[in-house]
Amino acid sequence: MRIIVGISGASSVHLGIRVANEILAAGHEVCAIISDGARVTFKSEKAWEYLSNSRIPKAKSRIPKANLGNSRISNENFLQIEEFLDEKIDIQSNMSGAAASGSSGYEAMIIAPCSSNTLAKVAAGICDNLLLRAAAVMLKEQRKLVIAPREMPFSPLSIKHMSELSGLGVMFALPMIAHYSKPKSLNDAENFIIGKWLDCLNIKNNLFKRWKI
């Protein structure tokens, strides 16, 4: 499949990076669209520290592998979110990108994490950046769109937006953990979230322990 991963400025942007790399590692073509807000959150949360301790698929990174295992990278002020995406991932940013057109043939899209601002704009049909335009394309072409809002609690407006989009066929998969997977660490808990997102995209994975009585 050809899949778009939209990463917005909500908390936990490292999960968006991880899911993009996992989709690629599963053998699919990936286009990543990173919002300006995601870049800010990446630095404010020092997202590379979470990525350093997480499962990283066997893939070529844009930064030296030695740095991936070091949570205290000396030049952290200069790190960019793109550096933690596999070099085979197509990173698009402006409205001339292929993701802006239904003719490009992308089959599915996930926005993870999705901010309340991005959620509201998708619901309103606003397309003032490539991430939003790509989501609008998924809707008009009636292709799979998975949205992972990261907010707590949700405002009545956000719930209304999710209800409206759900009625249009959008799938919502919030970043929530389940203890039946027996997580023993933060990484285990995040594997469950990412594994469930892959499930939503019909991508086989063994990132977490499945339900079994």
N, C-alpha and C. Protein backbone atom coordinates (compact mmCIF):
# COMPACT_ATOMS: atom_id res chain seq x y z
N MET A 1 0.83 -1.20 0.00
CA MET A 1 0.00 0.00 0.00
C MET A 1 0.87 1.25 0.00
N ARG A 2 0.26 2.33 -0.44
CA ARG A 2 0.89 3.65 -0.36
C ARG A 2 0.14 4.43 0.73
N ILE A 3 0.84 4.79 1.79
CA ILE A 3 0.19 5.34 2.98
C ILE A 3 0.80 6.68 3.36
N ILE A 4 -0.06 7.61 3.75
CA ILE A 4 0.37 8.92 4.23
C ILE A 4 0.31 8.92 5.76
N VAL A 5 1.36 9.40 6.39
CA VAL A 5 1.37 9.59 7.84
C VAL A 5 1.46 11.08 8.11
N GLY A 6 0.40 11.65 8.66
CA GLY A 6 0.39 13.05 9.02
C GLY A 6 0.73 13.20 10.49
N ILE A 7 1.70 14.04 10.80
CA ILE A 7 2.11 14.24 12.20
C ILE A 7 1.82 15.69 12.56
N SER A 8 0.86 15.90 13.46
CA SER A 8 0.48 17.26 13.84
C SER A 8 1.17 17.64 15.15
N GLY A 9 0.82 18.79 15.69
CA GLY A 9 1.52 19.32 16.85
C GLY A 9 1.02 18.86 18.20
N ALA A 10 0.20 17.84 18.27
CA ALA A 10 -0.26 17.33 19.56
C ALA A 10 0.90 16.70 20.32
N SER A 11 0.73 16.50 21.60
CA SER A 11 1.75 15.84 22.40
C SER A 11 1.99 14.42 21.89
N SER A 12 3.21 13.94 22.10
CA SER A 12 3.61 12.57 21.71
C SER A 12 3.85 12.44 20.20
N VAL A 13 4.50 13.43 19.62
CA VAL A 13 4.80 13.35 18.18
C VAL A 13 5.71 12.17 17.86
N HIS A 14 6.46 11.69 18.85
CA HIS A 14 7.35 10.56 18.59
C HIS A 14 6.58 9.31 18.17
N LEU A 15 5.30 9.22 18.57
CA LEU A 15 4.49 8.08 18.15
C LEU A 15 4.21 8.13 16.65
N GLY A 16 4.05 9.33 16.12
CA GLY A 16 3.86 9.48 14.69
C GLY A 16 5.10 9.05 13.92
N ILE A 17 6.26 9.40 14.47
CA ILE A 17 7.53 8.99 13.84
C ILE A 17 7.65 7.47 13.86
N ARG A 18 7.33 6.89 14.98
CA ARG A 18 7.44 5.44 15.11
C ARG A 18 6.49 4.71 14.19
N VAL A 19 5.25 5.17 14.08
CA VAL A 19 4.30 4.46 13.23
C VAL A 19 4.70 4.57 11.76
N ALA A 20 5.26 5.71 11.37
CA ALA A 20 5.73 5.87 9.99
C ALA A 20 6.83 4.86 9.68
N ASN A 21 7.79 4.73 10.60
CA ASN A 21 8.88 3.78 10.39
C ASN A 21 8.40 2.33 10.40
N GLU A 22 7.42 2.04 11.25
CA GLU A 22 6.88 0.67 11.31
C GLU A 22 6.13 0.31 10.02
N ILE A 23 5.39 1.27 9.48
CA ILE A 23 4.66 1.01 8.23
C ILE A 23 5.65 0.71 7.11
N LEU A 24 6.72 1.49 7.06
CA LEU A 24 7.75 1.25 6.04
C LEU A 24 8.40 -0.11 6.24
N ALA A 25 8.72 -0.44 7.49
CA ALA A 25 9.36 -1.72 7.79
C ALA A 25 8.47 -2.91 7.42
N ALA A 26 7.16 -2.67 7.39
CA ALA A 26 6.22 -3.73 7.02
C ALA A 26 6.11 -3.89 5.51
N GLY A 27 6.86 -3.07 4.77
CA GLY A 27 6.90 -3.23 3.31
C GLY A 27 6.01 -2.31 2.52
N HIS A 28 5.56 -1.23 3.13
CA HIS A 28 4.66 -0.31 2.43
C HIS A 28 5.37 1.01 2.12
N GLU A 29 4.86 1.70 1.12
CA GLU A 29 5.41 3.00 0.75
C GLU A 29 4.82 4.06 1.67
N VAL A 30 5.67 4.94 2.19
CA VAL A 30 5.22 5.92 3.18
C VAL A 30 5.57 7.34 2.75
N CYS A 31 4.57 8.20 2.88
CA CYS A 31 4.77 9.64 2.72
C CYS A 31 4.49 10.27 4.08
N ALA A 32 5.40 11.08 4.58
CA ALA A 32 5.21 11.75 5.87
C ALA A 32 4.99 13.23 5.65
N ILE A 33 3.97 13.75 6.32
CA ILE A 33 3.69 15.19 6.29
C ILE A 33 3.78 15.70 7.72
N ILE A 34 4.67 16.62 7.96
CA ILE A 34 4.94 17.11 9.31
C ILE A 34 4.48 18.56 9.43
N SER A 35 3.61 18.83 10.38
CA SER A 35 3.12 20.20 10.56
C SER A 35 4.15 21.05 11.28
N ASP A 36 4.00 22.36 11.18
CA ASP A 36 4.90 23.27 11.91
C ASP A 36 4.78 23.04 13.41
N GLY A 37 3.55 22.77 13.86
CA GLY A 37 3.33 22.51 15.29
C GLY A 37 4.06 21.26 15.75
N ALA A 38 4.15 20.25 14.88
CA ALA A 38 4.84 19.01 15.24
C ALA A 38 6.32 19.26 15.48
N ARG A 39 6.89 20.16 14.69
CA ARG A 39 8.30 20.49 14.86
C ARG A 39 8.56 21.16 16.21
N VAL A 40 7.62 22.01 16.61
CA VAL A 40 7.74 22.69 17.90
C VAL A 40 7.62 21.68 19.04
N THR A 41 6.62 20.81 18.96
CA THR A 41 6.40 19.81 20.01
C THR A 41 7.57 18.84 20.09
N PHE A 42 8.11 18.47 18.93
CA PHE A 42 9.26 17.55 18.89
C PHE A 42 10.39 18.06 19.76
N LYS A 43 10.66 19.36 19.69
CA LYS A 43 11.75 19.93 20.46
C LYS A 43 11.37 20.19 21.92
N SER A 44 10.14 20.67 22.13
CA SER A 44 9.74 20.99 23.50
C SER A 44 9.62 19.75 24.37
N GLU A 45 9.26 18.61 23.77
CA GLU A 45 9.15 17.36 24.52
C GLU A 45 10.42 16.52 24.47
N LYS A 46 11.43 17.01 23.73
CA LYS A 46 12.66 16.24 23.52
C LYS A 46 12.30 14.82 23.08
N ALA A 47 11.54 14.75 22.01
CA ALA A 47 10.98 13.48 21.54
C ALA A 47 12.05 12.44 21.23
N TRP A 48 13.25 12.88 20.88
CA TRP A 48 14.31 11.93 20.56
C TRP A 48 14.67 11.05 21.73
N GLU A 49 14.42 11.52 22.95
CA GLU A 49 14.73 10.69 24.11
C GLU A 49 13.80 9.48 24.18
N TYR A 50 12.55 9.65 23.79
CA TYR A 50 11.62 8.52 23.76
C TYR A 50 11.95 7.58 22.62
N LEU A 51 12.39 8.14 21.50
CA LEU A 51 12.75 7.31 20.36
C LEU A 51 14.01 6.51 20.63
N SER A 52 14.91 7.07 21.41
CA SER A 52 16.16 6.39 21.74
C SER A 52 15.91 5.09 22.49
N ASN A 53 14.86 5.07 23.30
CA ASN A 53 14.59 3.91 24.14
C ASN A 53 13.53 2.99 23.57
N SER A 54 13.05 3.29 22.36
CA SER A 54 11.97 2.49 21.79
C SER A 54 12.49 1.49 20.78
N ARG A 55 11.60 0.60 20.39
CA ARG A 55 11.95 -0.37 19.34
C ARG A 55 12.07 0.37 18.02
N ILE A 56 13.21 0.25 17.37
CA ILE A 56 13.43 0.90 16.08
C ILE A 56 13.54 -0.17 15.02
N PRO A 57 12.67 -0.15 14.01
CA PRO A 57 12.75 -1.16 12.96
C PRO A 57 14.11 -1.15 12.28
N LYS A 58 14.45 -2.27 11.66
CA LYS A 58 15.71 -2.34 10.92
C LYS A 58 15.58 -1.50 9.66
N ALA A 59 15.97 -0.26 9.75
CA ALA A 59 15.84 0.66 8.63
C ALA A 59 16.94 1.69 8.69
N LYS A 60 17.24 2.28 7.56
CA LYS A 60 18.30 3.28 7.49
C LYS A 60 17.77 4.63 7.96
N SER A 61 18.35 5.14 9.01
CA SER A 61 17.95 6.43 9.55
C SER A 61 18.73 7.54 8.87
N ARG A 62 18.23 8.76 9.02
CA ARG A 62 18.92 9.92 8.46
C ARG A 62 20.01 10.43 9.39
N ILE A 63 20.14 9.81 10.59
CA ILE A 63 21.22 10.20 11.50
C ILE A 63 22.01 8.96 11.87
N PRO A 64 23.23 9.11 12.35
CA PRO A 64 24.05 7.94 12.72
C PRO A 64 23.35 7.07 13.75
N LYS A 65 23.44 5.76 13.57
CA LYS A 65 22.77 4.84 14.49
C LYS A 65 23.28 5.01 15.93
N ALA A 66 24.51 5.42 16.07
CA ALA A 66 25.06 5.61 17.42
C ALA A 66 24.26 6.64 18.19
N ASN A 67 23.74 7.63 17.49
CA ASN A 67 22.97 8.67 18.16
C ASN A 67 21.61 8.16 18.60
N LEU A 68 21.06 7.17 17.87
CA LEU A 68 19.74 6.67 18.21
C LEU A 68 19.73 6.01 19.58
N GLY A 69 20.87 5.50 20.01
CA GLY A 69 20.92 4.84 21.30
C GLY A 69 21.39 5.75 22.41
N ASN A 70 21.55 7.02 22.10
CA ASN A 70 22.05 7.97 23.10
C ASN A 70 21.00 9.03 23.35
N SER A 71 20.42 9.03 24.55
CA SER A 71 19.35 9.97 24.85
C SER A 71 19.86 11.38 25.13
N ARG A 72 21.18 11.53 25.22
CA ARG A 72 21.76 12.85 25.47
C ARG A 72 22.68 13.22 24.31
N ILE A 73 22.05 13.48 23.18
CA ILE A 73 22.80 13.81 21.99
C ILE A 73 23.36 15.22 22.13
N SER A 74 24.66 15.36 21.87
CA SER A 74 25.34 16.62 22.14
C SER A 74 24.76 17.80 21.38
N ASN A 75 24.31 17.56 20.15
CA ASN A 75 23.80 18.68 19.35
C ASN A 75 22.27 18.67 19.28
N GLU A 76 21.64 18.36 20.40
CA GLU A 76 20.19 18.19 20.42
C GLU A 76 19.44 19.45 19.98
N ASN A 77 20.02 20.62 20.17
CA ASN A 77 19.34 21.85 19.77
C ASN A 77 19.18 21.96 18.26
N PHE A 78 19.95 21.16 17.53
CA PHE A 78 19.91 21.23 16.08
C PHE A 78 19.17 20.04 15.46
N LEU A 79 18.71 19.13 16.31
CA LEU A 79 18.01 17.96 15.78
C LEU A 79 16.69 18.35 15.13
N GLN A 80 16.38 17.69 14.04
CA GLN A 80 15.13 17.91 13.33
C GLN A 80 14.33 16.62 13.31
N ILE A 81 13.03 16.74 13.29
CA ILE A 81 12.17 15.56 13.32
C ILE A 81 12.43 14.63 12.14
N GLU A 82 12.79 15.20 10.99
CA GLU A 82 13.04 14.39 9.80
C GLU A 82 14.18 13.39 10.00
N GLU A 83 15.11 13.74 10.88
CA GLU A 83 16.29 12.90 11.08
C GLU A 83 15.96 11.54 11.68
N PHE A 84 14.78 11.41 12.28
CA PHE A 84 14.40 10.16 12.90
C PHE A 84 13.45 9.34 12.03
N LEU A 85 13.19 9.83 10.82
CA LEU A 85 12.39 9.08 9.86
C LEU A 85 13.33 8.36 8.91
N ASP A 86 12.99 7.15 8.57
CA ASP A 86 13.82 6.38 7.65
C ASP A 86 14.04 7.15 6.36
N GLU A 87 15.24 7.01 5.81
CA GLU A 87 15.58 7.78 4.61
C GLU A 87 14.76 7.40 3.38
N LYS A 88 14.07 6.25 3.45
CA LYS A 88 13.22 5.85 2.33
C LYS A 88 11.83 6.48 2.39
N ILE A 89 11.53 7.15 3.49
CA ILE A 89 10.23 7.80 3.62
C ILE A 89 10.23 9.11 2.86
N ASP A 90 9.21 9.32 2.06
CA ASP A 90 9.08 10.54 1.26
C ASP A 90 8.46 11.63 2.14
N ILE A 91 9.24 12.64 2.47
CA ILE A 91 8.75 13.74 3.30
C ILE A 91 8.27 14.87 2.40
N GLN A 92 6.99 15.20 2.51
CA GLN A 92 6.40 16.27 1.71
C GLN A 92 5.94 17.39 2.64
N SER A 93 5.98 18.63 2.15
CA SER A 93 5.64 19.74 3.03
C SER A 93 4.77 20.82 2.39
N ASN A 94 4.90 21.06 1.10
CA ASN A 94 4.12 22.16 0.52
C ASN A 94 2.96 21.64 -0.33
N MET A 95 2.10 22.54 -0.72
CA MET A 95 0.86 22.17 -1.40
C MET A 95 1.06 21.61 -2.80
N SER A 96 2.29 21.64 -3.28
CA SER A 96 2.57 21.05 -4.58
C SER A 96 2.94 19.57 -4.46
N GLY A 97 2.96 19.06 -3.22
CA GLY A 97 3.31 17.65 -2.99
C GLY A 97 2.28 16.72 -3.58
N ALA A 98 2.71 15.51 -3.90
CA ALA A 98 1.81 14.52 -4.52
C ALA A 98 0.60 14.22 -3.66
N ALA A 99 0.75 14.32 -2.34
CA ALA A 99 -0.36 14.00 -1.43
C ALA A 99 -1.54 14.95 -1.58
N ALA A 100 -1.34 16.07 -2.28
CA ALA A 100 -2.41 17.05 -2.46
C ALA A 100 -3.41 16.63 -3.53
N SER A 101 -3.11 15.55 -4.25
CA SER A 101 -4.00 15.14 -5.34
C SER A 101 -4.43 13.69 -5.20
N GLY A 102 -5.69 13.45 -5.46
CA GLY A 102 -6.21 12.09 -5.43
C GLY A 102 -5.59 11.22 -6.51
N SER A 103 -5.10 11.84 -7.58
CA SER A 103 -4.52 11.08 -8.68
C SER A 103 -3.18 10.45 -8.31
N SER A 104 -2.61 10.86 -7.17
CA SER A 104 -1.31 10.31 -6.75
C SER A 104 -1.44 8.87 -6.27
N GLY A 105 -2.65 8.46 -5.95
CA GLY A 105 -2.90 7.06 -5.64
C GLY A 105 -2.60 6.59 -4.24
N TYR A 106 -2.49 7.49 -3.29
CA TYR A 106 -2.31 7.04 -1.91
C TYR A 106 -3.60 6.36 -1.46
N GLU A 107 -3.45 5.22 -0.81
CA GLU A 107 -4.61 4.39 -0.48
C GLU A 107 -5.17 4.62 0.92
N ALA A 108 -4.36 5.16 1.80
CA ALA A 108 -4.80 5.37 3.18
C ALA A 108 -3.97 6.46 3.83
N MET A 109 -4.51 7.00 4.92
CA MET A 109 -3.79 8.04 5.67
C MET A 109 -4.09 7.90 7.15
N ILE A 110 -3.09 8.14 7.96
CA ILE A 110 -3.30 8.21 9.41
C ILE A 110 -2.70 9.53 9.90
N ILE A 111 -3.44 10.21 10.75
CA ILE A 111 -2.94 11.43 11.40
C ILE A 111 -2.68 11.07 12.85
N ALA A 112 -1.40 10.98 13.19
CA ALA A 112 -1.02 10.51 14.53
C ALA A 112 0.25 11.20 14.99
N PRO A 113 0.19 11.92 16.11
CA PRO A 113 -1.03 12.27 16.84
C PRO A 113 -1.76 13.40 16.13
N CYS A 114 -3.03 13.56 16.45
CA CYS A 114 -3.84 14.62 15.84
C CYS A 114 -4.22 15.64 16.91
N SER A 115 -3.89 16.89 16.67
CA SER A 115 -4.23 17.96 17.61
C SER A 115 -5.70 18.33 17.47
N SER A 116 -6.24 19.00 18.45
CA SER A 116 -7.63 19.46 18.38
C SER A 116 -7.81 20.45 17.24
N ASN A 117 -6.80 21.25 16.99
CA ASN A 117 -6.84 22.22 15.90
C ASN A 117 -6.95 21.51 14.56
N THR A 118 -6.11 20.49 14.36
CA THR A 118 -6.14 19.73 13.10
C THR A 118 -7.47 19.01 12.95
N LEU A 119 -7.96 18.42 14.03
CA LEU A 119 -9.25 17.73 14.00
C LEU A 119 -10.36 18.68 13.56
N ALA A 120 -10.39 19.87 14.15
CA ALA A 120 -11.43 20.84 13.83
C ALA A 120 -11.36 21.26 12.36
N LYS A 121 -10.15 21.46 11.87
CA LYS A 121 -10.00 21.89 10.48
C LYS A 121 -10.37 20.80 9.49
N VAL A 122 -10.03 19.55 9.81
CA VAL A 122 -10.44 18.44 8.94
C VAL A 122 -11.97 18.36 8.88
N ALA A 123 -12.61 18.50 10.04
CA ALA A 123 -14.07 18.44 10.10
C ALA A 123 -14.72 19.58 9.32
N ALA A 124 -14.05 20.74 9.30
CA ALA A 124 -14.60 21.91 8.61
C ALA A 124 -14.23 21.94 7.13
N GLY A 125 -13.37 21.02 6.70
CA GLY A 125 -12.95 21.00 5.30
C GLY A 125 -11.91 22.04 4.95
N ILE A 126 -11.23 22.58 5.96
CA ILE A 126 -10.19 23.59 5.71
C ILE A 126 -8.93 22.90 5.19
N CYS A 127 -8.34 23.47 4.16
CA CYS A 127 -7.15 22.87 3.52
C CYS A 127 -6.03 23.88 3.39
N ASP A 128 -5.61 24.49 4.48
CA ASP A 128 -4.60 25.54 4.38
C ASP A 128 -3.17 25.04 4.58
N ASN A 129 -2.97 23.73 4.62
CA ASN A 129 -1.63 23.16 4.55
C ASN A 129 -1.74 21.77 3.93
N LEU A 130 -0.61 21.15 3.63
CA LEU A 130 -0.64 19.87 2.91
C LEU A 130 -1.26 18.76 3.73
N LEU A 131 -1.03 18.75 5.04
CA LEU A 131 -1.60 17.69 5.87
C LEU A 131 -3.13 17.72 5.78
N LEU A 132 -3.69 18.92 5.90
CA LEU A 132 -5.16 19.05 5.83
C LEU A 132 -5.69 18.74 4.44
N ARG A 133 -4.97 19.16 3.42
CA ARG A 133 -5.38 18.88 2.05
C ARG A 133 -5.37 17.37 1.79
N ALA A 134 -4.34 16.69 2.29
CA ALA A 134 -4.26 15.24 2.10
C ALA A 134 -5.44 14.54 2.77
N ALA A 135 -5.82 15.02 3.97
CA ALA A 135 -6.98 14.44 4.66
C ALA A 135 -8.25 14.68 3.85
N ALA A 136 -8.38 15.88 3.28
CA ALA A 136 -9.55 16.19 2.46
C ALA A 136 -9.60 15.30 1.23
N VAL A 137 -8.44 14.98 0.68
CA VAL A 137 -8.39 14.09 -0.48
C VAL A 137 -8.88 12.69 -0.10
N MET A 138 -8.47 12.21 1.07
CA MET A 138 -8.93 10.90 1.53
C MET A 138 -10.45 10.88 1.65
N LEU A 139 -11.01 11.97 2.13
CA LEU A 139 -12.46 12.04 2.29
C LEU A 139 -13.18 12.08 0.94
N LYS A 140 -12.69 12.91 0.03
CA LYS A 140 -13.39 13.05 -1.25
C LYS A 140 -13.24 11.80 -2.12
N GLU A 141 -12.11 11.10 -1.95
CA GLU A 141 -11.89 9.87 -2.72
C GLU A 141 -12.46 8.64 -2.02
N GLN A 142 -13.02 8.87 -0.82
CA GLN A 142 -13.59 7.80 0.00
C GLN A 142 -12.57 6.68 0.28
N ARG A 143 -11.38 7.12 0.68
CA ARG A 143 -10.32 6.19 1.05
C ARG A 143 -10.15 6.20 2.56
N LYS A 144 -9.41 5.23 3.07
CA LYS A 144 -9.29 5.08 4.52
C LYS A 144 -8.55 6.25 5.16
N LEU A 145 -9.18 6.83 6.18
CA LEU A 145 -8.57 7.89 6.96
C LEU A 145 -8.69 7.52 8.44
N VAL A 146 -7.55 7.38 9.10
CA VAL A 146 -7.51 7.06 10.53
C VAL A 146 -6.98 8.29 11.26
N ILE A 147 -7.68 8.70 12.30
CA ILE A 147 -7.27 9.86 13.07
C ILE A 147 -7.08 9.47 14.53
N ALA A 148 -5.96 9.89 15.09
CA ALA A 148 -5.63 9.56 16.48
C ALA A 148 -5.52 10.84 17.31
N PRO A 149 -6.65 11.36 17.79
CA PRO A 149 -6.63 12.60 18.59
C PRO A 149 -5.91 12.38 19.90
N ARG A 150 -5.09 13.36 20.28
CA ARG A 150 -4.36 13.27 21.55
C ARG A 150 -4.80 14.46 22.40
N GLU A 151 -5.80 14.22 23.21
CA GLU A 151 -6.37 15.27 24.06
C GLU A 151 -7.06 14.61 25.24
N MET A 152 -7.11 15.31 26.37
CA MET A 152 -7.82 14.77 27.53
C MET A 152 -8.07 15.91 28.53
N PRO A 153 -9.32 16.12 28.91
CA PRO A 153 -10.52 15.52 28.32
C PRO A 153 -10.85 16.19 26.99
N PHE A 154 -11.79 15.62 26.26
CA PHE A 154 -12.21 16.20 25.00
C PHE A 154 -13.28 17.26 25.25
N SER A 155 -13.19 18.33 24.49
CA SER A 155 -14.24 19.36 24.57
C SER A 155 -15.47 18.86 23.82
N PRO A 156 -16.65 19.38 24.12
CA PRO A 156 -17.85 19.00 23.38
C PRO A 156 -17.69 19.23 21.88
N LEU A 157 -16.95 20.28 21.51
CA LEU A 157 -16.73 20.55 20.09
C LEU A 157 -15.90 19.45 19.43
N SER A 158 -14.86 18.99 20.10
CA SER A 158 -14.04 17.92 19.54
C SER A 158 -14.84 16.63 19.38
N ILE A 159 -15.70 16.36 20.36
CA ILE A 159 -16.55 15.17 20.29
C ILE A 159 -17.52 15.30 19.11
N LYS A 160 -18.04 16.51 18.91
CA LYS A 160 -18.93 16.75 17.77
C LYS A 160 -18.19 16.54 16.46
N HIS A 161 -16.96 17.04 16.37
CA HIS A 161 -16.16 16.88 15.15
C HIS A 161 -15.90 15.40 14.86
N MET A 162 -15.58 14.64 15.91
CA MET A 162 -15.32 13.21 15.72
C MET A 162 -16.59 12.48 15.27
N SER A 163 -17.71 12.86 15.85
CA SER A 163 -18.98 12.23 15.48
C SER A 163 -19.31 12.50 14.01
N GLU A 164 -19.12 13.74 13.59
CA GLU A 164 -19.41 14.10 12.20
C GLU A 164 -18.50 13.36 11.23
N LEU A 165 -17.21 13.31 11.55
CA LEU A 165 -16.27 12.64 10.66
C LEU A 165 -16.46 11.13 10.67
N SER A 166 -16.84 10.59 11.82
CA SER A 166 -17.12 9.15 11.89
C SER A 166 -18.26 8.79 10.95
N GLY A 167 -19.25 9.67 10.86
CA GLY A 167 -20.37 9.45 9.96
C GLY A 167 -19.96 9.47 8.50
N LEU A 168 -18.78 10.03 8.21
CA LEU A 168 -18.26 10.07 6.84
C LEU A 168 -17.29 8.93 6.58
N GLY A 169 -17.15 8.04 7.55
CA GLY A 169 -16.30 6.87 7.36
C GLY A 169 -14.91 6.97 7.96
N VAL A 170 -14.62 8.06 8.67
CA VAL A 170 -13.31 8.21 9.30
C VAL A 170 -13.23 7.29 10.53
N MET A 171 -12.09 6.63 10.69
CA MET A 171 -11.88 5.76 11.84
C MET A 171 -11.07 6.51 12.90
N PHE A 172 -11.53 6.47 14.14
CA PHE A 172 -10.82 7.13 15.23
C PHE A 172 -10.16 6.09 16.12
N ALA A 173 -8.87 6.27 16.35
CA ALA A 173 -8.10 5.34 17.16
C ALA A 173 -7.22 6.14 18.12
N LEU A 174 -7.76 6.43 19.28
CA LEU A 174 -7.06 7.24 20.26
C LEU A 174 -5.85 6.48 20.82
N PRO A 175 -4.79 7.19 21.19
CA PRO A 175 -3.61 6.53 21.75
C PRO A 175 -3.85 6.07 23.19
N MET A 176 -4.58 4.96 23.32
CA MET A 176 -4.93 4.42 24.63
C MET A 176 -4.29 3.05 24.81
N ILE A 177 -3.91 2.73 26.04
CA ILE A 177 -3.29 1.43 26.30
C ILE A 177 -4.33 0.44 26.82
N ALA A 178 -3.99 -0.83 26.76
CA ALA A 178 -4.84 -1.89 27.30
C ALA A 178 -3.95 -2.83 28.10
N HIS A 179 -4.36 -3.16 29.29
CA HIS A 179 -3.49 -3.96 30.15
C HIS A 179 -3.55 -5.46 29.85
N TYR A 180 -4.46 -5.88 28.95
CA TYR A 180 -4.45 -7.30 28.60
C TYR A 180 -3.18 -7.65 27.80
N SER A 181 -2.50 -6.61 27.28
CA SER A 181 -1.25 -6.85 26.55
C SER A 181 -0.06 -7.00 27.51
N LYS A 182 -0.35 -6.85 28.82
CA LYS A 182 0.65 -7.01 29.88
C LYS A 182 1.90 -6.14 29.65
N PRO A 183 1.72 -4.82 29.52
CA PRO A 183 2.88 -3.95 29.32
C PRO A 183 3.76 -3.90 30.57
N LYS A 184 5.05 -4.00 30.37
CA LYS A 184 5.99 -3.95 31.50
C LYS A 184 6.81 -2.66 31.47
N SER A 185 6.60 -1.85 30.46
CA SER A 185 7.37 -0.61 30.33
C SER A 185 6.57 0.37 29.47
N LEU A 186 7.04 1.61 29.43
CA LEU A 186 6.43 2.62 28.57
C LEU A 186 6.52 2.18 27.12
N ASN A 187 7.63 1.58 26.74
CA ASN A 187 7.81 1.11 25.38
C ASN A 187 6.77 0.05 25.02
N ASP A 188 6.49 -0.86 25.95
CA ASP A 188 5.47 -1.89 25.72
C ASP A 188 4.11 -1.24 25.51
N ALA A 189 3.78 -0.25 26.32
CA ALA A 189 2.50 0.44 26.21
C ALA A 189 2.38 1.14 24.86
N GLU A 190 3.48 1.75 24.43
CA GLU A 190 3.46 2.44 23.14
C GLU A 190 3.39 1.44 21.98
N ASN A 191 4.00 0.28 22.14
CA ASN A 191 3.90 -0.75 21.11
C ASN A 191 2.46 -1.16 20.90
N PHE A 192 1.68 -1.21 21.99
CA PHE A 192 0.27 -1.57 21.86
C PHE A 192 -0.46 -0.52 21.02
N ILE A 193 -0.21 0.75 21.30
CA ILE A 193 -0.86 1.83 20.57
C ILE A 193 -0.51 1.76 19.09
N ILE A 194 0.78 1.64 18.80
CA ILE A 194 1.22 1.61 17.41
C ILE A 194 0.72 0.36 16.70
N GLY A 195 0.72 -0.76 17.42
CA GLY A 195 0.20 -1.99 16.83
C GLY A 195 -1.27 -1.88 16.46
N LYS A 196 -2.04 -1.24 17.31
CA LYS A 196 -3.46 -1.04 17.02
C LYS A 196 -3.66 -0.10 15.83
N TRP A 197 -2.81 0.92 15.72
CA TRP A 197 -2.89 1.80 14.55
C TRP A 197 -2.59 1.02 13.28
N LEU A 198 -1.60 0.14 13.34
CA LEU A 198 -1.30 -0.69 12.18
C LEU A 198 -2.48 -1.60 11.85
N ASP A 199 -3.13 -2.13 12.88
CA ASP A 199 -4.33 -2.94 12.67
C ASP A 199 -5.39 -2.15 11.90
N CYS A 200 -5.57 -0.89 12.28
CA CYS A 200 -6.57 -0.05 11.61
C CYS A 200 -6.26 0.12 10.12
N LEU A 201 -4.99 0.05 9.79
CA LEU A 201 -4.56 0.19 8.39
C LEU A 201 -4.43 -1.17 7.71
N ASN A 202 -4.88 -2.21 8.39
CA ASN A 202 -4.81 -3.59 7.86
C ASN A 202 -3.38 -4.04 7.59
N ILE A 203 -2.47 -3.64 8.49
CA ILE A 203 -1.07 -4.04 8.38
C ILE A 203 -0.77 -5.04 9.50
N LYS A 204 -0.38 -6.24 9.13
CA LYS A 204 -0.09 -7.27 10.10
C LYS A 204 1.13 -6.88 10.94
N ASN A 205 1.05 -7.17 12.23
CA ASN A 205 2.16 -6.86 13.11
C ASN A 205 2.08 -7.72 14.37
N ASN A 206 3.19 -7.81 15.06
CA ASN A 206 3.24 -8.54 16.33
C ASN A 206 3.84 -7.67 17.43
N LEU A 207 3.45 -6.41 17.44
CA LEU A 207 4.02 -5.45 18.38
C LEU A 207 3.49 -5.62 19.81
N PHE A 208 2.37 -6.31 19.96
CA PHE A 208 1.81 -6.46 21.29
C PHE A 208 1.13 -7.82 21.44
N LYS A 209 0.90 -8.21 22.68
CA LYS A 209 0.23 -9.46 22.97
C LYS A 209 -1.26 -9.32 22.72
N ARG A 210 -1.80 -10.19 21.88
CA ARG A 210 -3.22 -10.14 21.52
C ARG A 210 -4.10 -10.67 22.65
N TRP A 211 -5.36 -10.28 22.62
CA TRP A 211 -6.31 -10.74 23.63
C TRP A 211 -6.47 -12.24 23.58
N LYS A 212 -6.41 -12.85 24.74
CA LYS A 212 -6.58 -14.30 24.83
C LYS A 212 -7.03 -14.63 26.24
N ILE A 213 -8.10 -15.41 26.33
CA ILE A 213 -8.62 -15.81 27.65
C ILE A 213 -7.92 -17.08 28.10
